[in-house]
Amino acid sequence: MISTKSLPTKTSLWILIPSLIAAALCVTPLIYLIGRVSGADYDVWAWLIRPKTLLVFSRSIFLAITVALLSVAIAVPITWLTTRTNLPYKKLWSVLTFLPLVIPSYVGAYILLSFVGNSGLLYKILNPALGVSQVPTLYGYYGSLITLSFLNYPYIILTIRSNISNMDASGEETAKLMGLNQFQTFMKVTLPSIKPAILSGALLVTLYTLSDFGAVSLLRYKTFTWSIFNQYEAGFDRNTAALLSLALFSVATLFMTFEIFIRGDRKYYKNSSNASKKLSVIDIGRWRWPAAVACALVSLVSVVIPLVVLSYWIVRGLYFGEDASILTAEPNHILAFNSITLSIFTAAVVVILSLPVGYLSIRRPSILTNFVEKMCFTGYALPSIAVSLSLVFFGAKIGAPLYQSTLLLVIACAILYMPTGLGAIRSSMAQISPRYEESSMTLGKNKINSVLRTNLPLMKSGIIMAAATVFLITMKELPAVLLLAPLDFHTLTTAIWSLSSEAFFAKAAIPSLLLIFLSSIPLTMIVIKNSVFNNLGSE
């Protein structure tokens, strides 16, 4: 095993400074919340320990844990099947199992409510065909669990896929020589190798669930974000809302600390003569088609049914004479252009900020670097509305040209989705041996040149995955756009929100489908062209 301590310590300084800048930017919302809470009176603190508040607190934690577990249970088998085996149509399943990333949680919730229940599409199909008299609704916990799990499991797939593409083939070869079968090899070799990626992805899903508002509000499952939103919107009590946000942040911090403890400090980069050897395709024999059916069922629930329901609303609206045009000031192409522009700038900022933080956390593990890394998760651990309002506060203090500018909106989205990019980049960096940097420096290259020229080419897969994920989730961002965007800046998400809130479901379905279509194009290209498939051979 190569020790990272052999690298010169001076290389940390030029990495530490941009990492501290990134961390400082990410903790800006937290500073605002602490400032608000410092002025709170006793009644505000007493509100936090009420029985109803504690119940909402426990419901939020339980939902976050179960969504993460279900997402892992879905993502790990699918990733292994689509990257390592001779699964039929595995590129198709790879594309379809990524697509739920483009569906906003509030769209997924209203699709679920439109599909189940006695007035839903499922009832209208089953009643005349099979005589089914009742289809249960899925309000509450189970609806939230299904919606958030089937929309968020691709986060884990993305981080795992980046890891599997750089796995060392010698481990599996050794397992075969020891007489282990495929399942034993997976459990004892493959699974431990992708452990950091699983933990990073599960942490992202947990934090996303804790901060989600759209799905749980529509599905009537009261969580902390629901309480925070009510305090801001109904009573506009910023002190109470800030205190609730800090409590939610504390829970997220506990999850992040637990992830660090479980992950440990093991190194997972290649360190053998077979480091560049391609991973072999595993023949799963008679399980090929049952596995394909399982992938098809997941794709049916997470992609096909949502598209069918959206199409149903469009057709139904046209049948009853509704105008299918979107009732906004700008045409569709302006809304789409604004969404794409915001997503591109946010992805670029996140990648630039994540690279030094990811390098520092891998090459210089310490209490300080762990603290810097986890501070970059603060924006994602806080509700989007809290992050947005904190930046409104700072923007108003600074004034023009920052206040109500696109720049402030990009900063907010970058703070919210920094963990998404950082997770993929860190997992990719963890598998690169520091020996390459040492060799470059012995050849006379300076420290910065050695770090950039040896690591960036090897991190290509992780960087692409980070940028793709940030682009996709920024496309569906709503609260930050509503609160921080300039008055003349509207996106597809704001059109969906305004139309669906007025119960124009047919008209809301049009920008929803456009959002899914625009986001799926770059995602499909990345999945098909990514070097993962080149490493695994043909189907």
Protein backbone atom coordinates (compact mmCIF):
# COMPACT_ATOMS: atom_id res chain seq x y z
CA MET A 1 0.00 0.00 0.00
CA ILE A 2 1.31 3.43 -0.94
CA SER A 3 1.33 6.03 1.80
CA THR A 4 0.18 9.51 0.83
CA LYS A 5 2.50 10.91 3.48
CA SER A 6 5.38 10.55 1.04
CA LEU A 7 4.08 13.50 -0.95
CA PRO A 8 5.65 16.88 -0.07
CA THR A 9 3.61 18.71 2.53
CA LYS A 10 4.01 22.04 0.73
CA THR A 11 1.60 20.86 -1.94
CA SER A 12 -1.20 21.24 0.62
CA LEU A 13 -1.00 25.05 0.80
CA TRP A 14 -2.18 25.88 -2.72
CA ILE A 15 -4.84 23.18 -2.39
CA LEU A 16 -5.90 24.27 1.09
CA ILE A 17 -6.62 27.90 0.16
CA PRO A 18 -9.23 27.22 -2.59
CA SER A 19 -10.68 24.45 -0.40
CA LEU A 20 -11.17 26.91 2.46
CA ILE A 21 -12.79 29.37 0.05
CA ALA A 22 -15.22 26.67 -1.09
CA ALA A 23 -16.00 25.70 2.51
CA ALA A 24 -16.52 29.35 3.52
CA LEU A 25 -18.97 29.83 0.66
CA CYS A 26 -20.90 26.73 1.67
CA VAL A 27 -21.23 27.73 5.35
CA THR A 28 -22.63 31.18 4.52
CA PRO A 29 -26.25 30.01 5.01
CA LEU A 30 -25.28 28.42 8.33
CA ILE A 31 -23.80 31.72 9.53
CA TYR A 32 -27.06 33.45 8.71
CA LEU A 33 -29.11 30.87 10.62
CA ILE A 34 -26.89 31.11 13.69
CA GLY A 35 -27.28 34.87 13.58
CA ARG A 36 -31.07 34.59 13.47
CA VAL A 37 -31.21 32.04 16.29
CA SER A 38 -28.97 34.17 18.51
CA GLY A 39 -31.81 36.68 18.68
CA ALA A 40 -34.53 34.15 19.48
CA ASP A 41 -36.38 34.31 22.81
CA TYR A 42 -37.38 31.51 25.19
CA ASP A 43 -40.71 30.81 23.46
CA VAL A 44 -38.91 29.96 20.23
CA TRP A 45 -36.63 27.44 21.98
CA ALA A 46 -39.59 25.95 23.86
CA TRP A 47 -41.36 25.40 20.55
CA LEU A 48 -38.53 23.07 19.51
CA ILE A 49 -39.16 20.53 22.28
CA ARG A 50 -42.94 20.32 21.96
CA PRO A 51 -44.26 16.74 21.52
CA LYS A 52 -45.57 17.54 18.04
CA THR A 53 -42.20 18.97 17.01
CA LEU A 54 -40.38 15.88 18.30
CA LEU A 55 -42.82 13.67 16.38
CA VAL A 56 -42.13 15.56 13.16
CA PHE A 57 -38.42 15.28 13.98
CA SER A 58 -38.56 11.48 14.31
CA ARG A 59 -40.68 11.12 11.15
CA SER A 60 -38.08 13.05 9.15
CA ILE A 61 -35.22 10.85 10.37
CA PHE A 62 -37.14 7.61 9.80
CA LEU A 63 -38.07 8.63 6.25
CA ALA A 64 -34.47 9.63 5.42
CA ILE A 65 -33.01 6.33 6.68
CA THR A 66 -35.56 4.10 4.95
CA VAL A 67 -35.32 6.00 1.65
CA ALA A 68 -31.52 5.61 1.72
CA LEU A 69 -31.74 1.87 2.47
CA LEU A 70 -34.29 1.23 -0.26
CA SER A 71 -32.27 3.29 -2.74
CA VAL A 72 -29.13 1.26 -1.96
CA ALA A 73 -31.09 -1.99 -2.36
CA ILE A 74 -32.22 -0.85 -5.81
CA ALA A 75 -29.00 0.77 -7.01
CA VAL A 76 -26.29 -1.75 -6.09
CA PRO A 77 -27.73 -4.78 -7.97
CA ILE A 78 -28.64 -2.65 -11.01
CA THR A 79 -25.17 -1.12 -11.22
CA TRP A 80 -23.43 -4.47 -10.94
CA LEU A 81 -25.73 -6.04 -13.55
CA THR A 82 -25.36 -3.21 -16.08
CA THR A 83 -21.59 -2.80 -15.74
CA ARG A 84 -20.18 -6.24 -14.97
CA THR A 85 -22.47 -8.91 -16.43
CA ASN A 86 -23.83 -10.09 -19.78
CA LEU A 87 -27.28 -8.72 -18.94
CA PRO A 88 -29.46 -8.43 -22.07
CA TYR A 89 -29.92 -4.81 -23.27
CA LYS A 90 -27.75 -3.52 -20.44
CA LYS A 91 -27.09 -0.17 -22.15
CA LEU A 92 -30.85 0.37 -22.38
CA TRP A 93 -31.27 -0.38 -18.68
CA SER A 94 -28.32 1.89 -17.90
CA VAL A 95 -30.05 4.80 -19.61
CA LEU A 96 -33.51 4.10 -18.19
CA THR A 97 -32.29 3.69 -14.61
CA PHE A 98 -30.57 7.10 -14.79
CA LEU A 99 -33.63 8.98 -16.08
CA PRO A 100 -35.46 9.37 -12.72
CA LEU A 101 -32.85 12.01 -11.88
CA VAL A 102 -34.61 14.44 -14.22
CA ILE A 103 -38.01 14.15 -12.52
CA PRO A 104 -38.53 16.69 -9.70
CA SER A 105 -39.87 15.25 -6.47
CA TYR A 106 -43.01 17.38 -6.56
CA VAL A 107 -43.72 16.21 -10.12
CA GLY A 108 -43.19 12.62 -8.99
CA ALA A 109 -45.60 13.15 -6.11
CA TYR A 110 -48.37 14.59 -8.25
CA ILE A 111 -47.81 11.80 -10.79
CA LEU A 112 -48.21 9.22 -8.01
CA LEU A 113 -51.40 10.86 -6.75
CA SER A 114 -52.75 11.02 -10.30
CA PHE A 115 -51.99 7.35 -10.86
CA VAL A 116 -53.42 5.74 -7.68
CA GLY A 117 -56.69 6.22 -5.84
CA ASN A 118 -60.24 5.82 -7.13
CA SER A 119 -59.88 8.84 -9.39
CA GLY A 120 -56.44 7.87 -10.71
CA LEU A 121 -55.34 6.40 -14.00
CA LEU A 122 -54.72 2.94 -12.51
CA TYR A 123 -58.32 2.69 -11.31
CA LYS A 124 -59.64 3.75 -14.71
CA ILE A 125 -57.62 0.93 -16.28
CA LEU A 126 -58.36 -1.84 -13.75
CA ASN A 127 -62.04 -1.10 -13.08
CA PRO A 128 -63.44 -1.85 -16.56
CA ALA A 129 -60.86 -4.55 -17.32
CA LEU A 130 -60.85 -6.54 -14.05
CA GLY A 131 -63.74 -5.08 -12.09
CA VAL A 132 -61.49 -3.64 -9.37
CA SER A 133 -63.69 -1.48 -7.16
CA GLN A 134 -61.03 0.38 -5.18
CA VAL A 135 -57.38 1.42 -5.58
CA PRO A 136 -55.80 2.69 -2.35
CA THR A 137 -54.23 6.12 -2.20
CA LEU A 138 -50.62 6.52 -1.13
CA TYR A 139 -50.69 9.64 0.98
CA GLY A 140 -48.28 9.80 3.90
CA TYR A 141 -45.19 7.74 4.61
CA TYR A 142 -45.49 4.98 2.01
CA GLY A 143 -46.15 7.40 -0.83
CA SER A 144 -43.17 9.51 0.24
CA LEU A 145 -40.96 6.41 0.56
CA ILE A 146 -41.84 5.14 -2.91
CA THR A 147 -41.57 8.55 -4.60
CA LEU A 148 -38.25 9.61 -3.07
CA SER A 149 -36.60 6.17 -3.35
CA PHE A 150 -37.46 5.61 -7.01
CA LEU A 151 -36.41 9.14 -7.93
CA ASN A 152 -33.17 9.23 -5.90
CA TYR A 153 -31.54 5.80 -6.33
CA PRO A 154 -29.66 7.01 -9.47
CA TYR A 155 -27.46 9.17 -7.19
CA ILE A 156 -26.00 5.95 -5.82
CA ILE A 157 -25.69 4.41 -9.28
CA LEU A 158 -23.65 7.37 -10.50
CA THR A 159 -21.10 7.15 -7.70
CA ILE A 160 -20.87 3.35 -7.91
CA ARG A 161 -20.45 3.37 -11.69
CA SER A 162 -17.54 5.78 -11.41
CA ASN A 163 -15.86 3.44 -8.92
CA ILE A 164 -16.45 0.19 -10.81
CA SER A 165 -14.89 1.64 -13.95
CA ASN A 166 -11.54 1.89 -12.08
CA MET A 167 -11.60 -1.33 -10.05
CA ASP A 168 -8.50 -3.50 -9.84
CA ALA A 169 -9.06 -6.80 -11.66
CA SER A 170 -6.52 -8.67 -9.52
CA GLY A 171 -8.87 -8.96 -6.57
CA GLU A 172 -11.46 -10.93 -8.50
CA GLU A 173 -8.79 -13.07 -10.13
CA THR A 174 -7.41 -13.96 -6.70
CA ALA A 175 -10.91 -14.83 -5.49
CA LYS A 176 -11.40 -17.19 -8.42
CA LEU A 177 -8.08 -18.89 -7.69
CA MET A 178 -9.27 -19.40 -4.11
CA GLY A 179 -12.38 -21.18 -5.39
CA LEU A 180 -14.97 -18.51 -4.56
CA ASN A 181 -18.12 -18.46 -6.66
CA GLN A 182 -19.58 -15.31 -8.25
CA PHE A 183 -21.79 -14.39 -5.29
CA GLN A 184 -18.96 -14.88 -2.79
CA THR A 185 -16.64 -12.82 -4.98
CA PHE A 186 -19.20 -10.04 -5.13
CA MET A 187 -19.70 -10.00 -1.36
CA LYS A 188 -16.03 -10.31 -0.37
CA VAL A 189 -14.26 -8.40 -3.18
CA THR A 190 -16.56 -6.21 -5.27
CA LEU A 191 -18.80 -4.87 -2.49
CA PRO A 192 -15.93 -3.77 -0.20
CA SER A 193 -14.24 -2.07 -3.18
CA ILE A 194 -17.30 0.07 -3.92
CA LYS A 195 -18.05 0.74 -0.25
CA PRO A 196 -16.94 4.41 -0.38
CA ALA A 197 -19.17 5.05 -3.39
CA ILE A 198 -22.16 3.38 -1.74
CA LEU A 199 -21.70 5.44 1.41
CA SER A 200 -21.26 8.68 -0.55
CA GLY A 201 -24.38 7.99 -2.59
CA ALA A 202 -26.42 6.94 0.45
CA LEU A 203 -25.36 10.10 2.27
CA LEU A 204 -26.53 12.23 -0.65
CA VAL A 205 -29.89 10.46 -0.70
CA THR A 206 -30.27 10.88 3.05
CA LEU A 207 -29.49 14.60 2.93
CA TYR A 208 -31.77 15.12 -0.05
CA THR A 209 -34.64 13.40 1.74
CA LEU A 210 -34.10 15.48 4.87
CA SER A 211 -34.25 18.71 2.84
CA ASP A 212 -37.05 17.76 0.42
CA PHE A 213 -40.25 19.76 0.61
CA GLY A 214 -42.15 19.23 -2.64
CA ALA A 215 -42.94 15.52 -2.40
CA VAL A 216 -43.70 15.32 1.32
CA SER A 217 -45.97 18.38 1.19
CA LEU A 218 -48.06 17.06 -1.69
CA LEU A 219 -48.22 13.61 -0.09
CA ARG A 220 -49.17 15.09 3.30
CA TYR A 221 -46.30 13.61 5.25
CA LYS A 222 -45.26 16.18 7.82
CA THR A 223 -41.50 16.57 8.10
CA PHE A 224 -39.13 19.27 9.33
CA THR A 225 -39.07 20.97 5.94
CA TRP A 226 -42.86 21.20 6.03
CA SER A 227 -42.66 22.93 9.42
CA ILE A 228 -39.93 25.29 8.24
CA PHE A 229 -41.91 26.25 5.16
CA ASN A 230 -44.98 26.98 7.25
CA GLN A 231 -42.97 29.22 9.56
CA TYR A 232 -41.56 31.18 6.66
CA GLU A 233 -44.72 31.39 4.56
CA ALA A 234 -47.60 31.41 7.04
CA GLY A 235 -46.21 33.23 10.06
CA PHE A 236 -42.95 34.42 8.47
CA ASP A 237 -41.27 33.74 11.81
CA ARG A 238 -37.65 33.68 10.73
CA ASN A 239 -36.29 32.93 14.20
CA THR A 240 -38.35 29.76 14.62
CA ALA A 241 -37.65 28.66 11.06
CA ALA A 242 -33.94 29.29 11.55
CA LEU A 243 -33.95 27.20 14.73
CA LEU A 244 -35.72 24.34 12.95
CA SER A 245 -33.21 24.57 10.11
CA LEU A 246 -30.32 24.36 12.57
CA ALA A 247 -31.91 21.32 14.19
CA LEU A 248 -32.19 19.71 10.77
CA PHE A 249 -28.58 20.62 10.08
CA SER A 250 -27.54 18.93 13.33
CA VAL A 251 -29.24 15.72 12.23
CA ALA A 252 -27.51 15.89 8.86
CA THR A 253 -24.17 16.43 10.61
CA LEU A 254 -24.73 13.26 12.63
CA PHE A 255 -25.36 11.32 9.41
CA MET A 256 -22.18 12.73 7.85
CA THR A 257 -20.15 11.84 10.96
CA PHE A 258 -21.53 8.32 10.86
CA GLU A 259 -20.55 8.05 7.19
CA ILE A 260 -16.95 9.08 7.99
CA PHE A 261 -16.78 6.50 10.80
CA ILE A 262 -18.11 3.67 8.62
CA ARG A 263 -16.01 4.62 5.61
CA GLY A 264 -12.77 4.58 7.57
CA ASP A 265 -9.41 5.58 6.13
CA ARG A 266 -8.75 2.63 3.85
CA LYS A 267 -7.32 3.36 0.38
CA TYR A 268 -9.08 1.88 -2.62
CA TYR A 269 -6.80 2.81 -5.53
CA LYS A 270 -5.20 0.20 -7.76
CA ASN A 271 -1.85 -1.07 -6.60
CA SER A 272 -0.95 -4.11 -8.68
CA SER A 273 0.50 -5.12 -12.03
CA ASN A 274 -3.05 -5.73 -13.24
CA ALA A 275 -4.14 -2.15 -12.49
CA SER A 276 -4.71 -1.35 -16.17
CA LYS A 277 -6.30 -4.70 -17.03
CA LYS A 278 -9.90 -4.60 -18.19
CA LEU A 279 -12.53 -6.13 -15.96
CA SER A 280 -14.01 -9.28 -17.40
CA VAL A 281 -17.71 -9.62 -18.24
CA ILE A 282 -19.40 -12.03 -15.83
CA ASP A 283 -21.74 -14.65 -17.28
CA ILE A 284 -24.82 -14.91 -15.04
CA GLY A 285 -26.24 -17.82 -17.05
CA ARG A 286 -29.91 -18.61 -16.49
CA TRP A 287 -30.34 -15.45 -14.40
CA ARG A 288 -29.86 -13.18 -17.43
CA TRP A 289 -33.55 -12.78 -18.28
CA PRO A 290 -34.91 -12.71 -14.70
CA ALA A 291 -32.37 -9.94 -14.02
CA ALA A 292 -33.54 -8.11 -17.14
CA VAL A 293 -37.15 -8.38 -15.92
CA ALA A 294 -36.12 -6.91 -12.56
CA CYS A 295 -34.45 -3.96 -14.31
CA ALA A 296 -37.54 -3.55 -16.47
CA LEU A 297 -39.81 -3.41 -13.40
CA VAL A 298 -37.67 -0.70 -11.80
CA SER A 299 -37.69 1.26 -15.07
CA LEU A 300 -41.46 0.80 -15.33
CA VAL A 301 -42.09 2.30 -11.89
CA SER A 302 -39.53 5.09 -12.06
CA VAL A 303 -39.70 6.16 -15.74
CA VAL A 304 -42.44 4.59 -17.88
CA ILE A 305 -45.40 5.14 -15.56
CA PRO A 306 -44.50 8.82 -14.92
CA LEU A 307 -44.24 9.46 -18.67
CA VAL A 308 -47.53 7.67 -19.32
CA VAL A 309 -49.30 9.67 -16.62
CA LEU A 310 -47.95 12.97 -17.96
CA SER A 311 -49.01 12.00 -21.49
CA TYR A 312 -52.44 11.05 -20.15
CA TRP A 313 -52.91 14.51 -18.65
CA ILE A 314 -52.00 16.15 -21.95
CA VAL A 315 -54.36 13.98 -23.96
CA ARG A 316 -57.12 14.40 -21.40
CA GLY A 317 -56.72 18.16 -21.41
CA LEU A 318 -56.85 18.35 -25.19
CA TYR A 319 -59.87 16.03 -25.29
CA PHE A 320 -61.79 18.33 -22.98
CA GLY A 321 -60.85 21.38 -25.01
CA GLU A 322 -58.07 22.87 -22.87
CA ASP A 323 -55.44 25.04 -24.50
CA ALA A 324 -52.16 23.14 -24.37
CA SER A 325 -49.99 26.25 -24.46
CA ILE A 326 -48.13 27.29 -21.34
CA LEU A 327 -49.60 30.41 -19.74
CA THR A 328 -46.38 32.33 -19.13
CA ALA A 329 -44.81 35.49 -20.49
CA GLU A 330 -42.10 33.64 -22.38
CA PRO A 331 -42.37 30.87 -24.95
CA ASN A 332 -41.06 27.39 -24.22
CA HIS A 333 -37.66 27.90 -25.81
CA ILE A 334 -36.89 30.83 -23.49
CA LEU A 335 -37.81 28.77 -20.43
CA ALA A 336 -35.68 25.89 -21.68
CA PHE A 337 -32.74 28.17 -22.47
CA ASN A 338 -32.83 29.68 -18.97
CA SER A 339 -32.94 26.23 -17.34
CA ILE A 340 -30.02 24.95 -19.42
CA THR A 341 -27.91 28.08 -18.86
CA LEU A 342 -28.40 27.94 -15.09
CA SER A 343 -27.53 24.23 -15.00
CA ILE A 344 -24.35 24.63 -17.08
CA PHE A 345 -22.97 27.47 -14.95
CA THR A 346 -23.84 25.65 -11.72
CA ALA A 347 -22.16 22.42 -12.88
CA ALA A 348 -19.00 24.33 -13.86
CA VAL A 349 -18.79 26.12 -10.50
CA VAL A 350 -19.37 22.92 -8.52
CA VAL A 351 -16.67 20.98 -10.40
CA ILE A 352 -14.14 23.81 -9.97
CA LEU A 353 -14.83 24.03 -6.23
CA SER A 354 -14.96 20.25 -5.71
CA LEU A 355 -11.60 19.39 -7.29
CA PRO A 356 -9.35 20.96 -4.63
CA VAL A 357 -11.60 19.76 -1.79
CA GLY A 358 -11.66 16.21 -3.15
CA TYR A 359 -7.88 16.17 -3.60
CA LEU A 360 -7.27 17.55 -0.12
CA SER A 361 -9.55 15.03 1.59
CA ILE A 362 -7.83 12.07 -0.12
CA ARG A 363 -4.18 13.13 -0.15
CA ARG A 364 -4.15 15.02 3.16
CA PRO A 365 -6.60 13.22 5.50
CA SER A 366 -6.73 14.97 8.85
CA ILE A 367 -9.18 16.56 11.26
CA LEU A 368 -8.91 19.85 9.36
CA THR A 369 -9.43 18.35 5.91
CA ASN A 370 -12.35 16.24 7.11
CA PHE A 371 -13.86 19.39 8.60
CA VAL A 372 -13.38 21.32 5.35
CA GLU A 373 -14.89 18.48 3.33
CA LYS A 374 -17.95 18.15 5.52
CA MET A 375 -18.52 21.91 5.60
CA CYS A 376 -19.09 21.64 1.87
CA PHE A 377 -22.12 19.48 2.67
CA THR A 378 -23.87 22.16 4.74
CA GLY A 379 -25.89 23.62 1.87
CA TYR A 380 -27.30 20.23 0.97
CA ALA A 381 -28.08 19.48 4.63
CA LEU A 382 -30.20 22.63 4.91
CA PRO A 383 -33.59 23.17 3.26
CA SER A 384 -33.37 24.97 -0.05
CA ILE A 385 -35.64 27.71 1.25
CA ALA A 386 -33.26 28.38 4.18
CA VAL A 387 -30.23 28.58 1.88
CA SER A 388 -32.11 30.85 -0.50
CA LEU A 389 -33.37 33.25 2.17
CA SER A 390 -29.92 33.49 3.76
CA LEU A 391 -28.48 34.56 0.40
CA VAL A 392 -31.34 37.01 -0.05
CA PHE A 393 -30.21 38.55 3.25
CA PHE A 394 -26.57 38.80 2.19
CA GLY A 395 -27.50 39.97 -1.30
CA ALA A 396 -29.69 42.74 0.11
CA LYS A 397 -26.84 43.87 2.35
CA ILE A 398 -24.41 44.03 -0.54
CA GLY A 399 -26.91 45.39 -3.04
CA ALA A 400 -26.31 45.72 -6.77
CA PRO A 401 -24.96 44.01 -8.80
CA LEU A 402 -25.31 40.87 -6.63
CA TYR A 403 -28.86 41.26 -5.33
CA GLN A 404 -31.52 39.66 -7.56
CA SER A 405 -28.88 38.59 -10.07
CA THR A 406 -28.28 35.37 -11.95
CA LEU A 407 -24.88 35.17 -10.24
CA LEU A 408 -26.51 34.94 -6.81
CA LEU A 409 -28.83 32.20 -8.11
CA VAL A 410 -25.85 30.22 -9.44
CA ILE A 411 -24.08 30.57 -6.08
CA ALA A 412 -27.17 29.27 -4.27
CA CYS A 413 -27.46 26.24 -6.56
CA ALA A 414 -23.73 25.56 -6.23
CA ILE A 415 -24.02 25.57 -2.42
CA LEU A 416 -27.03 23.25 -2.57
CA TYR A 417 -25.44 20.73 -4.93
CA MET A 418 -21.77 20.90 -3.97
CA PRO A 419 -22.00 17.50 -2.19
CA THR A 420 -23.32 15.90 -5.38
CA GLY A 421 -20.23 16.78 -7.38
CA LEU A 422 -17.86 16.32 -4.47
CA GLY A 423 -19.06 12.77 -3.81
CA ALA A 424 -18.30 11.59 -7.37
CA ILE A 425 -14.96 13.41 -7.56
CA ARG A 426 -13.82 12.16 -4.17
CA SER A 427 -14.69 8.55 -5.01
CA SER A 428 -12.76 8.84 -8.28
CA MET A 429 -9.78 10.45 -6.56
CA ALA A 430 -9.68 7.69 -3.93
CA GLN A 431 -8.68 5.13 -6.57
CA ILE A 432 -5.72 7.06 -8.01
CA SER A 433 -2.37 6.05 -6.54
CA PRO A 434 -0.13 8.92 -5.32
CA ARG A 435 2.78 7.09 -6.98
CA TYR A 436 1.98 8.88 -10.25
CA GLU A 437 2.56 12.28 -8.65
CA GLU A 438 5.81 11.09 -7.08
CA SER A 439 7.06 9.78 -10.41
CA SER A 440 6.20 13.06 -12.14
CA MET A 441 8.07 15.11 -9.55
CA THR A 442 11.15 12.90 -9.80
CA LEU A 443 11.19 13.75 -13.52
CA GLY A 444 11.53 17.43 -12.73
CA LYS A 445 7.91 18.60 -12.91
CA ASN A 446 6.79 21.14 -10.34
CA LYS A 447 4.19 20.25 -7.71
CA ILE A 448 1.17 21.91 -9.36
CA ASN A 449 2.01 20.48 -12.76
CA SER A 450 2.45 17.00 -11.31
CA VAL A 451 -0.88 17.07 -9.50
CA LEU A 452 -2.85 18.40 -12.47
CA ARG A 453 -1.23 16.34 -15.23
CA THR A 454 -1.38 13.03 -13.40
CA ASN A 455 -4.77 13.25 -11.68
CA LEU A 456 -7.11 15.12 -14.03
CA PRO A 457 -6.86 12.63 -16.94
CA LEU A 458 -7.47 9.71 -14.57
CA MET A 459 -10.41 11.54 -12.97
CA LYS A 460 -12.18 12.14 -16.29
CA SER A 461 -14.95 9.66 -15.52
CA GLY A 462 -15.58 11.09 -12.06
CA ILE A 463 -15.58 14.69 -13.33
CA ILE A 464 -18.04 13.86 -16.09
CA MET A 465 -20.32 12.10 -13.64
CA ALA A 466 -20.11 15.02 -11.20
CA ALA A 467 -20.95 17.61 -13.87
CA ALA A 468 -23.76 15.48 -15.29
CA THR A 469 -25.41 14.94 -11.92
CA VAL A 470 -25.22 18.61 -10.94
CA PHE A 471 -26.59 19.64 -14.34
CA LEU A 472 -29.55 17.30 -14.03
CA ILE A 473 -30.59 18.19 -10.49
CA THR A 474 -30.15 21.92 -11.13
CA MET A 475 -32.58 21.59 -14.03
CA LYS A 476 -35.31 20.69 -11.52
CA GLU A 477 -34.43 23.20 -8.77
CA LEU A 478 -37.46 25.24 -7.70
CA PRO A 479 -37.25 27.11 -4.35
CA ALA A 480 -33.95 28.84 -5.12
CA VAL A 481 -35.23 29.98 -8.52
CA LEU A 482 -38.45 31.32 -7.02
CA LEU A 483 -36.66 33.33 -4.32
CA LEU A 484 -33.40 34.42 -5.95
CA ALA A 485 -33.94 34.68 -9.70
CA PRO A 486 -34.24 38.11 -11.34
CA LEU A 487 -37.83 39.19 -11.99
CA ASP A 488 -37.52 38.49 -15.72
CA PHE A 489 -35.83 35.07 -15.29
CA HIS A 490 -38.21 32.11 -15.51
CA THR A 491 -37.41 28.42 -15.98
CA LEU A 492 -39.27 25.23 -16.80
CA THR A 493 -39.55 24.41 -13.09
CA THR A 494 -41.27 27.70 -12.27
CA ALA A 495 -43.70 27.10 -15.14
CA ILE A 496 -44.47 23.60 -13.82
CA TRP A 497 -44.94 24.90 -10.29
CA SER A 498 -47.21 27.82 -11.21
CA LEU A 499 -49.41 25.71 -13.48
CA SER A 500 -49.70 22.68 -11.18
CA SER A 501 -50.44 24.89 -8.16
CA GLU A 502 -53.42 26.24 -10.09
CA ALA A 503 -54.51 22.66 -10.94
CA PHE A 504 -53.74 23.08 -14.66
CA PHE A 505 -52.35 19.54 -14.77
CA ALA A 506 -52.57 19.20 -18.55
CA LYS A 507 -50.60 22.39 -19.06
CA ALA A 508 -48.14 21.45 -16.29
CA ALA A 509 -47.49 18.15 -18.07
CA ILE A 510 -46.11 19.93 -21.14
CA PRO A 511 -43.13 21.68 -19.45
CA SER A 512 -42.64 18.53 -17.33
CA LEU A 513 -42.14 16.40 -20.43
CA LEU A 514 -39.94 19.09 -21.98
CA LEU A 515 -37.81 19.17 -18.83
CA ILE A 516 -37.42 15.39 -18.87
CA PHE A 517 -36.59 15.37 -22.58
CA LEU A 518 -33.94 18.12 -22.40
CA SER A 519 -32.26 16.57 -19.37
CA SER A 520 -32.29 13.05 -20.78
CA ILE A 521 -30.35 13.99 -23.94
CA PRO A 522 -27.00 14.77 -22.26
CA LEU A 523 -27.56 11.98 -19.75
CA THR A 524 -28.07 9.42 -22.52
CA MET A 525 -24.98 10.61 -24.38
CA ILE A 526 -22.85 10.36 -21.23
CA VAL A 527 -24.05 6.85 -20.38
CA ILE A 528 -23.49 5.52 -23.90
CA LYS A 529 -20.19 7.27 -24.59
CA ASN A 530 -18.69 6.97 -21.12
CA SER A 531 -15.54 4.85 -20.90
CA VAL A 532 -17.28 2.43 -18.51
CA PHE A 533 -18.64 0.52 -21.48
CA ASN A 534 -15.30 0.57 -23.24
CA ASN A 535 -13.74 -1.10 -20.20
CA LEU A 536 -16.35 -3.81 -19.99
CA GLY A 537 -16.42 -4.96 -23.52
CA SER A 538 -19.41 -5.51 -25.77
CA GLU A 539 -22.71 -6.93 -24.74
